[in-house]
Protein backbone atom coordinates (compact mmCIF):
# COMPACT_ATOMS: atom_id res chain seq x y z
CA MET A 1 -0.08 -0.11 -0.18
CA SER A 2 1.80 3.75 -0.75
CA ILE A 3 1.54 6.31 1.23
CA ALA A 4 -0.51 8.09 -0.94
CA PHE A 5 -3.43 5.47 -0.29
CA LEU A 6 -2.87 5.69 3.80
CA TYR A 7 -4.09 9.62 3.32
CA THR A 8 -6.99 9.69 0.70
CA PHE A 9 -8.20 6.71 1.12
CA PRO A 10 -9.61 7.52 4.79
CA GLN A 11 -10.56 10.91 3.42
CA TRP A 12 -13.00 9.36 1.27
CA PHE A 13 -14.87 7.06 3.52
CA VAL A 14 -15.05 10.38 5.84
CA PHE A 15 -16.90 12.13 2.78
CA ALA A 16 -19.26 9.49 1.90
CA ALA A 17 -20.28 8.18 5.38
CA LEU A 18 -20.66 12.04 6.03
CA LEU A 19 -22.96 12.56 2.89
CA ALA A 20 -24.60 9.50 3.75
CA VAL A 21 -25.82 10.29 6.92
CA ILE A 22 -26.47 14.04 6.56
CA TYR A 23 -28.43 13.14 3.08
CA GLY A 24 -30.18 10.63 5.84
CA TRP A 25 -30.86 12.64 7.88
CA VAL A 26 -32.16 16.16 5.78
CA GLU A 27 -34.38 13.45 4.05
CA ASP A 28 -35.06 11.42 7.47
CA LYS A 29 -34.12 8.42 5.47
CA LYS A 30 -32.87 5.89 8.14
CA ASN A 31 -30.97 2.99 5.61
CA PHE A 32 -28.51 6.02 4.45
CA ARG A 33 -28.10 7.15 8.17
CA LEU A 34 -27.78 3.27 8.81
CA ILE A 35 -25.19 2.86 5.68
CA GLY A 36 -23.19 6.31 7.13
CA ILE A 37 -22.63 4.44 10.51
CA ALA A 38 -21.48 1.66 8.53
CA ILE A 39 -19.15 3.49 6.57
CA PHE A 40 -17.37 5.07 10.03
CA ILE A 41 -17.10 1.13 11.12
CA LEU A 42 -15.19 0.26 7.93
CA LEU A 43 -13.01 3.09 8.20
CA ALA A 44 -12.37 1.78 11.91
CA LEU A 45 -11.72 -1.80 10.41
CA PHE A 46 -9.65 -0.37 7.37
CA SER A 47 -7.60 1.63 10.47
CA ILE A 48 -7.60 -1.94 12.61
CA PHE A 49 -6.04 -3.54 9.62
CA ALA A 50 -3.39 -0.50 8.81
CA ILE A 51 -1.84 -0.56 11.84
CA LYS A 52 -1.63 -3.98 12.33
CA GLY A 53 -0.03 -4.11 8.88
CA GLY A 54 2.73 -2.67 10.14
CA TYR A 55 2.58 0.78 7.78
CA PHE A 56 3.27 2.65 10.43
CA GLU A 57 6.08 0.35 12.26
CA PRO A 58 9.41 2.74 13.25
CA GLY A 59 11.32 0.42 11.79
CA LYS A 60 10.63 1.38 8.13
CA PHE A 61 11.92 4.87 8.59
CA LEU A 62 15.15 4.15 10.25
CA THR A 63 17.25 1.50 9.55
CA PRO A 64 19.56 -0.16 12.92
CA GLU A 65 22.91 1.52 10.75
CA GLN A 66 21.48 4.97 11.55
CA VAL A 67 20.37 4.36 14.71
CA ILE A 68 24.23 2.96 15.63
CA SER A 69 26.11 5.78 13.66
CA GLU A 70 23.94 8.00 15.93
CA GLU A 71 21.46 9.31 12.83
CA LEU A 72 18.54 9.49 14.92
CA GLU A 73 19.27 13.25 16.27
CA GLU A 74 19.75 14.33 12.78
CA GLU A 75 16.24 11.94 11.68
CA ILE A 76 14.21 13.74 14.59
CA SER A 77 15.15 17.50 14.16
CA ASN A 78 14.90 17.51 10.05
CA GLU A 79 11.67 16.03 9.85
CA VAL A 80 9.07 13.38 11.30
CA PRO A 81 7.69 10.83 8.61
CA ILE A 82 3.89 11.23 6.91
CA GLU A 83 3.49 7.89 8.43
CA ALA A 84 3.84 8.84 11.77
CA LYS A 85 2.04 12.31 11.29
CA LEU A 86 -0.91 10.22 10.04
CA PHE A 87 -0.82 7.82 13.42
CA PRO A 88 -2.91 9.53 15.35
CA ALA A 89 -5.72 10.38 12.46
CA TYR A 90 -6.21 6.89 12.75
CA LEU A 91 -6.41 5.59 16.21
CA ILE A 92 -9.05 8.59 16.22
CA PHE A 93 -10.74 6.55 13.20
CA ILE A 94 -10.70 3.61 15.36
CA LEU A 95 -12.13 5.42 18.17
CA SER A 96 -15.44 6.67 15.54
CA GLY A 97 -15.84 3.14 14.39
CA ILE A 98 -15.82 2.07 18.25
CA ILE A 99 -18.62 4.99 18.93
CA ALA A 100 -20.66 3.98 15.93
CA LEU A 101 -21.32 0.39 17.27
CA PRO A 102 -24.04 1.32 19.34
CA THR A 103 -24.78 4.12 17.57
CA LEU A 104 -26.28 1.96 14.46
CA PHE A 105 -28.21 -0.24 17.19
CA LEU A 106 -29.44 2.69 18.63
CA ASP A 107 -30.51 4.02 14.94
CA TRP A 108 -31.64 0.66 14.37
CA LYS A 109 -33.89 0.80 16.94
CA GLU A 110 -35.00 4.11 17.04
CA LYS A 111 -33.92 5.67 20.38
CA LYS A 112 -33.46 8.97 20.84
CA TYR A 113 -29.81 9.14 21.98
CA ALA A 114 -28.60 7.74 18.53
CA LYS A 115 -28.63 11.09 17.50
CA LEU A 116 -26.02 12.45 19.57
CA LEU A 117 -23.43 9.58 19.05
CA ILE A 118 -23.89 10.03 15.27
CA VAL A 119 -22.84 13.93 16.04
CA ILE A 120 -20.48 12.17 17.88
CA THR A 121 -18.71 9.77 15.81
CA GLY A 122 -18.99 12.54 12.50
CA LEU A 123 -16.85 14.85 14.88
CA CYS A 124 -14.68 12.32 15.38
CA ALA A 125 -14.30 11.42 12.81
CA LEU A 126 -13.35 14.85 10.81
CA ALA A 127 -11.03 15.72 13.79
CA GLY A 128 -8.50 12.76 12.47
CA PHE A 129 -9.81 14.28 9.12
CA PHE A 130 -8.34 17.31 9.65
CA ILE A 131 -5.15 15.32 10.92
CA VAL A 132 -4.61 13.80 7.69
CA VAL A 133 -5.54 17.46 6.01
CA GLY A 134 -2.25 19.18 8.39
CA ALA A 135 -0.34 16.27 7.01
CA VAL A 136 -0.29 16.19 3.68
CA LYS A 137 -0.14 20.41 3.79
CA ALA A 138 2.77 19.76 6.03
CA ILE A 139 4.57 17.19 2.62
């Protein structure tokens, strides 16, 4: 998986989920809201896959030879790799997926607190989105 895929794919997920949730909310279409919430859950699963897949491992950024020859200080003072900047966003995407699980159930059962959890899930995913945007701007 390329680094460009790591920062563009979650952005599309967030846009699709928010679009589906907002459309479902405005037009009072429950299926669209449920699809949007499910997209947040899929984004969390993708984030878990990316983290478990080793795309954010520090060993990929520095070789043992660089650490031994004390090039570590130069790397840290110059620039942080984009993968390290994206890592907090992926943690936030996992958090939004965790929040989306009860949201999906509550919205499916048409409970009162579903709307509040939908807003919290969307805001959480937007926070991750803006972390990704900030990391991409820094390139």
